[in-house]
Amino acid sequence: MIGVVTGLQAEAKIVHGLPCLAISGGGRAEATRRKIDGLIEAGAEGLISFGIAGAADPALKTGDVVVSATVIDGEGRRYVGNPVWLEQVLSRLPGSHPGHLYGSDHMVSAVADKARILKQHACIAVDMESHHTARAATRYQLPFIVIRAVADTASEQLPEALAAGVDAEGRTQAWPIITALLTGRLGFGVVMRAGRSSSRALASLRQCRPALVQLLSES
């Protein structure tokens, strides 16, 4: 059985019904680590980091799929996953983009930070779960891979207040976003743009489901 690590329940729902175990960490580092350990205790023999990401490479567009077997964390440590899985998934997802992934405990929202990550680490995308996935897989000597769809481009600056719209279980919460709108910490246009971009990324992830089915059936 393979464990699938997501940040949002909307991402986990895409793999619902497949022969895998899935968790959502809601962007909380401690909760994500604990839930990944739970996957392994439940018998997961490999891990897939699956969900949306931010682009660090300006060439990536919203909805583009990034596939990676190399993850770099905030301390600059590099984790290498399963090259066989990488080749299998890339062959089944024509048009997807291979490249390194950067994992952060905090949302990377600033354009300058995305540019720094690309320059210093040659990572083409960033998320908040892949480094936890890679660390656990390395610790337990399990294979791993990353499959992520771009929600925000390298030139987009995301307000930190958007992170409040997701709880520790990965569920979308409307009230924190409404509060941020009412207090002026978020603009309506920003929220609408982020919603459309996330929907486009989730649609791309749904198109990855057949490739996941094949990978899970062969693992």
Protein backbone atom coordinates (compact mmCIF):
# COMPACT_ATOMS: atom_id res chain seq x y z
CA MET A 1 0.00 0.00 0.00
CA ILE A 2 1.23 3.50 -0.89
CA GLY A 3 0.65 6.58 1.28
CA VAL A 4 -0.43 9.83 -0.37
CA VAL A 5 0.45 13.09 1.39
CA THR A 6 -1.65 16.17 0.64
CA GLY A 7 -2.22 19.55 2.22
CA LEU A 8 -5.90 19.91 1.33
CA GLN A 9 -8.85 17.57 1.57
CA ALA A 10 -9.77 18.67 -1.96
CA GLU A 11 -6.50 17.08 -3.10
CA ALA A 12 -7.04 13.91 -1.07
CA LYS A 13 -10.52 13.49 -2.60
CA ILE A 14 -8.91 13.07 -6.01
CA VAL A 15 -7.31 9.79 -4.92
CA HIS A 16 -10.40 8.59 -3.04
CA GLY A 17 -11.25 5.04 -4.06
CA LEU A 18 -7.72 4.20 -5.20
CA PRO A 19 -5.69 1.49 -3.42
CA CYS A 20 -3.80 3.93 -1.22
CA LEU A 21 -3.87 5.65 2.17
CA ALA A 22 -4.19 9.45 2.11
CA ILE A 23 -3.76 12.24 4.66
CA SER A 24 -4.18 16.02 4.60
CA GLY A 25 -1.93 18.17 6.77
CA GLY A 26 -3.55 21.56 6.22
CA GLY A 27 -0.15 23.23 5.83
CA ARG A 28 0.71 22.54 9.49
CA ALA A 29 4.21 21.12 9.80
CA GLU A 30 3.73 19.16 13.02
CA ALA A 31 0.38 17.72 11.98
CA THR A 32 1.77 16.71 8.59
CA ARG A 33 4.76 14.94 10.15
CA ARG A 34 2.54 13.12 12.64
CA LYS A 35 0.08 12.02 9.96
CA ILE A 36 2.86 10.77 7.68
CA ASP A 37 4.22 8.67 10.55
CA GLY A 38 0.69 7.32 10.92
CA LEU A 39 0.65 6.30 7.25
CA ILE A 40 3.87 4.37 7.71
CA GLU A 41 2.64 2.75 10.92
CA ALA A 42 -0.48 1.71 8.98
CA GLY A 43 1.71 -0.13 6.47
CA ALA A 44 2.57 2.37 3.74
CA GLU A 45 5.49 1.00 1.73
CA GLY A 46 6.10 4.18 -0.28
CA LEU A 47 4.96 7.81 -0.30
CA ILE A 48 3.60 10.22 -2.90
CA SER A 49 3.44 13.97 -2.24
CA PHE A 50 0.37 15.06 -4.20
CA GLY A 51 -1.32 18.43 -4.49
CA ILE A 52 -0.91 22.02 -5.56
CA ALA A 53 2.30 24.04 -5.51
CA GLY A 54 3.71 27.45 -6.24
CA ALA A 55 5.99 27.97 -9.22
CA ALA A 56 9.54 29.22 -8.73
CA ASP A 57 10.41 28.88 -12.42
CA PRO A 58 8.85 31.73 -14.46
CA ALA A 59 8.32 29.30 -17.34
CA LEU A 60 5.65 27.40 -15.40
CA LYS A 61 1.99 28.37 -15.86
CA THR A 62 -1.02 27.81 -13.63
CA GLY A 63 -2.17 24.22 -14.08
CA ASP A 64 1.23 22.89 -15.19
CA VAL A 65 2.15 19.58 -13.56
CA VAL A 66 5.54 19.14 -11.90
CA VAL A 67 6.93 15.65 -11.27
CA SER A 68 9.97 15.27 -9.05
CA ALA A 69 12.11 12.73 -7.25
CA THR A 70 14.40 15.35 -5.73
CA VAL A 71 13.30 17.49 -2.80
CA ILE A 72 15.31 20.21 -1.03
CA ASP A 73 14.27 21.54 2.38
CA GLY A 74 14.78 24.88 4.10
CA GLU A 75 18.16 23.78 5.50
CA GLY A 76 19.39 22.95 2.01
CA ARG A 77 19.26 19.18 2.56
CA ARG A 78 18.58 17.12 -0.55
CA TYR A 79 16.41 14.02 -0.60
CA VAL A 80 16.31 11.67 -3.59
CA GLY A 81 13.27 9.54 -4.30
CA ASN A 82 12.52 6.66 -6.64
CA PRO A 83 13.93 7.19 -10.17
CA VAL A 84 11.84 4.33 -11.55
CA TRP A 85 8.63 5.93 -10.34
CA LEU A 86 9.81 9.22 -11.78
CA GLU A 87 10.30 7.80 -15.25
CA GLN A 88 7.02 5.89 -15.10
CA VAL A 89 4.98 8.94 -14.13
CA LEU A 90 6.71 11.26 -16.60
CA SER A 91 6.03 8.80 -19.42
CA ARG A 92 2.34 8.68 -18.46
CA LEU A 93 1.95 12.44 -18.07
CA PRO A 94 3.12 13.94 -21.36
CA GLY A 95 3.62 17.65 -20.99
CA SER A 96 4.52 17.43 -17.30
CA HIS A 97 7.67 19.15 -16.05
CA PRO A 98 10.52 17.31 -14.30
CA GLY A 99 12.53 19.29 -11.79
CA HIS A 100 13.55 19.73 -8.17
CA LEU A 101 10.94 20.63 -5.55
CA TYR A 102 11.51 22.93 -2.55
CA GLY A 103 9.66 22.16 0.68
CA SER A 104 8.92 24.82 3.28
CA ASP A 105 7.18 24.79 6.67
CA HIS A 106 5.66 28.16 5.76
CA MET A 107 3.85 29.40 2.68
CA VAL A 108 6.34 30.87 0.19
CA SER A 109 4.34 33.84 -1.00
CA ALA A 110 6.83 36.54 -2.03
CA VAL A 111 8.04 36.79 -5.62
CA ALA A 112 11.58 37.52 -4.37
CA ASP A 113 11.59 34.34 -2.25
CA LYS A 114 10.51 32.22 -5.21
CA ALA A 115 13.30 33.74 -7.31
CA ARG A 116 15.83 33.05 -4.56
CA ILE A 117 14.74 29.41 -4.32
CA LEU A 118 15.17 28.97 -8.06
CA LYS A 119 18.59 30.63 -8.05
CA GLN A 120 20.04 28.99 -4.94
CA HIS A 121 18.54 25.51 -5.20
CA ALA A 122 17.47 25.13 -8.86
CA CYS A 123 13.99 24.17 -7.61
CA ILE A 124 11.21 24.88 -10.08
CA ALA A 125 8.32 24.73 -7.59
CA VAL A 126 7.59 24.98 -3.86
CA ASP A 127 5.09 23.41 -1.49
CA MET A 128 4.54 22.67 2.20
CA GLU A 129 4.39 18.87 2.28
CA SER A 130 7.05 17.38 0.03
CA HIS A 131 9.98 17.87 2.44
CA HIS A 132 8.07 16.13 5.22
CA THR A 133 7.28 13.32 2.78
CA ALA A 134 10.90 13.06 1.64
CA ARG A 135 12.32 13.14 5.17
CA ALA A 136 10.02 10.35 6.37
CA ALA A 137 10.67 8.24 3.28
CA THR A 138 14.43 8.64 3.76
CA ARG A 139 14.21 7.84 7.46
CA TYR A 140 12.24 4.65 6.84
CA GLN A 141 14.08 3.81 3.59
CA LEU A 142 10.93 3.99 1.50
CA PRO A 143 10.53 5.15 -2.12
CA PHE A 144 8.86 8.50 -2.77
CA ILE A 145 7.85 10.80 -5.58
CA VAL A 146 6.24 14.23 -5.92
CA ILE A 147 3.33 15.06 -8.24
CA ARG A 148 2.22 18.70 -7.97
CA ALA A 149 0.17 21.14 -10.07
CA VAL A 150 0.98 24.85 -10.15
CA ALA A 151 -1.58 27.12 -8.50
CA ASP A 152 0.42 30.37 -8.34
CA THR A 153 3.09 31.45 -10.79
CA ALA A 154 6.56 32.78 -10.00
CA SER A 155 5.40 36.35 -10.65
CA GLU A 156 2.39 36.18 -8.30
CA GLN A 157 2.61 37.49 -4.75
CA LEU A 158 0.22 35.66 -2.40
CA PRO A 159 -1.08 37.42 0.72
CA GLU A 160 -0.23 35.50 3.90
CA ALA A 161 -3.86 35.89 5.01
CA LEU A 162 -4.90 33.26 2.44
CA ALA A 163 -3.30 30.54 4.57
CA ALA A 164 -5.90 31.16 7.30
CA GLY A 165 -8.56 29.76 4.97
CA VAL A 166 -7.40 26.17 5.58
CA ASP A 167 -7.70 24.33 8.91
CA ALA A 168 -5.44 21.63 10.35
CA GLU A 169 -7.43 18.90 8.60
CA GLY A 170 -7.00 20.51 5.19
CA ARG A 171 -10.59 21.77 5.03
CA THR A 172 -11.35 25.11 3.40
CA GLN A 173 -12.76 27.61 5.90
CA ALA A 174 -14.77 30.56 4.58
CA TRP A 175 -15.01 32.69 7.74
CA PRO A 176 -11.28 33.57 8.08
CA ILE A 177 -11.28 34.71 4.46
CA ILE A 178 -14.45 36.76 4.97
CA THR A 179 -12.89 38.35 8.06
CA ALA A 180 -9.73 39.19 6.11
CA LEU A 181 -11.85 40.76 3.37
CA LEU A 182 -13.83 42.83 5.86
CA THR A 183 -10.69 44.06 7.62
CA GLY A 184 -8.90 44.87 4.37
CA ARG A 185 -6.14 42.28 4.74
CA LEU A 186 -7.37 40.64 1.54
CA GLY A 187 -8.85 42.11 -1.60
CA PHE A 188 -11.84 40.52 -3.33
CA GLY A 189 -9.99 40.34 -6.63
CA VAL A 190 -7.06 38.51 -5.01
CA VAL A 191 -9.38 35.92 -3.46
CA MET A 192 -11.23 35.35 -6.73
CA ARG A 193 -7.95 35.00 -8.65
CA ALA A 194 -6.56 32.54 -6.10
CA GLY A 195 -9.77 30.51 -6.26
CA ARG A 196 -9.66 30.26 -10.04
CA SER A 197 -5.98 29.31 -10.00
CA SER A 198 -6.52 26.62 -7.37
CA SER A 199 -9.44 25.20 -9.36
CA ARG A 200 -7.26 25.03 -12.46
CA ALA A 201 -4.51 23.25 -10.53
CA LEU A 202 -6.97 20.77 -9.01
CA ALA A 203 -8.36 20.05 -12.50
CA SER A 204 -4.81 19.21 -13.63
CA LEU A 205 -4.38 16.90 -10.65
CA ARG A 206 -7.56 15.05 -11.58
CA GLN A 207 -6.05 14.41 -15.00
CA CYS A 208 -3.13 12.73 -13.20
CA ARG A 209 -5.41 10.10 -11.68
CA PRO A 210 -4.93 7.48 -14.48
CA ALA A 211 -1.15 7.72 -14.05
CA LEU A 212 -1.61 7.27 -10.30
CA VAL A 213 -3.80 4.23 -10.88
CA GLN A 214 -1.06 2.60 -12.94
CA LEU A 215 1.66 3.49 -10.45
CA LEU A 216 -0.32 2.16 -7.50
CA SER A 217 -1.23 -1.03 -9.30
CA GLU A 218 2.43 -1.74 -10.09
CA SER A 219 3.81 -0.88 -6.65
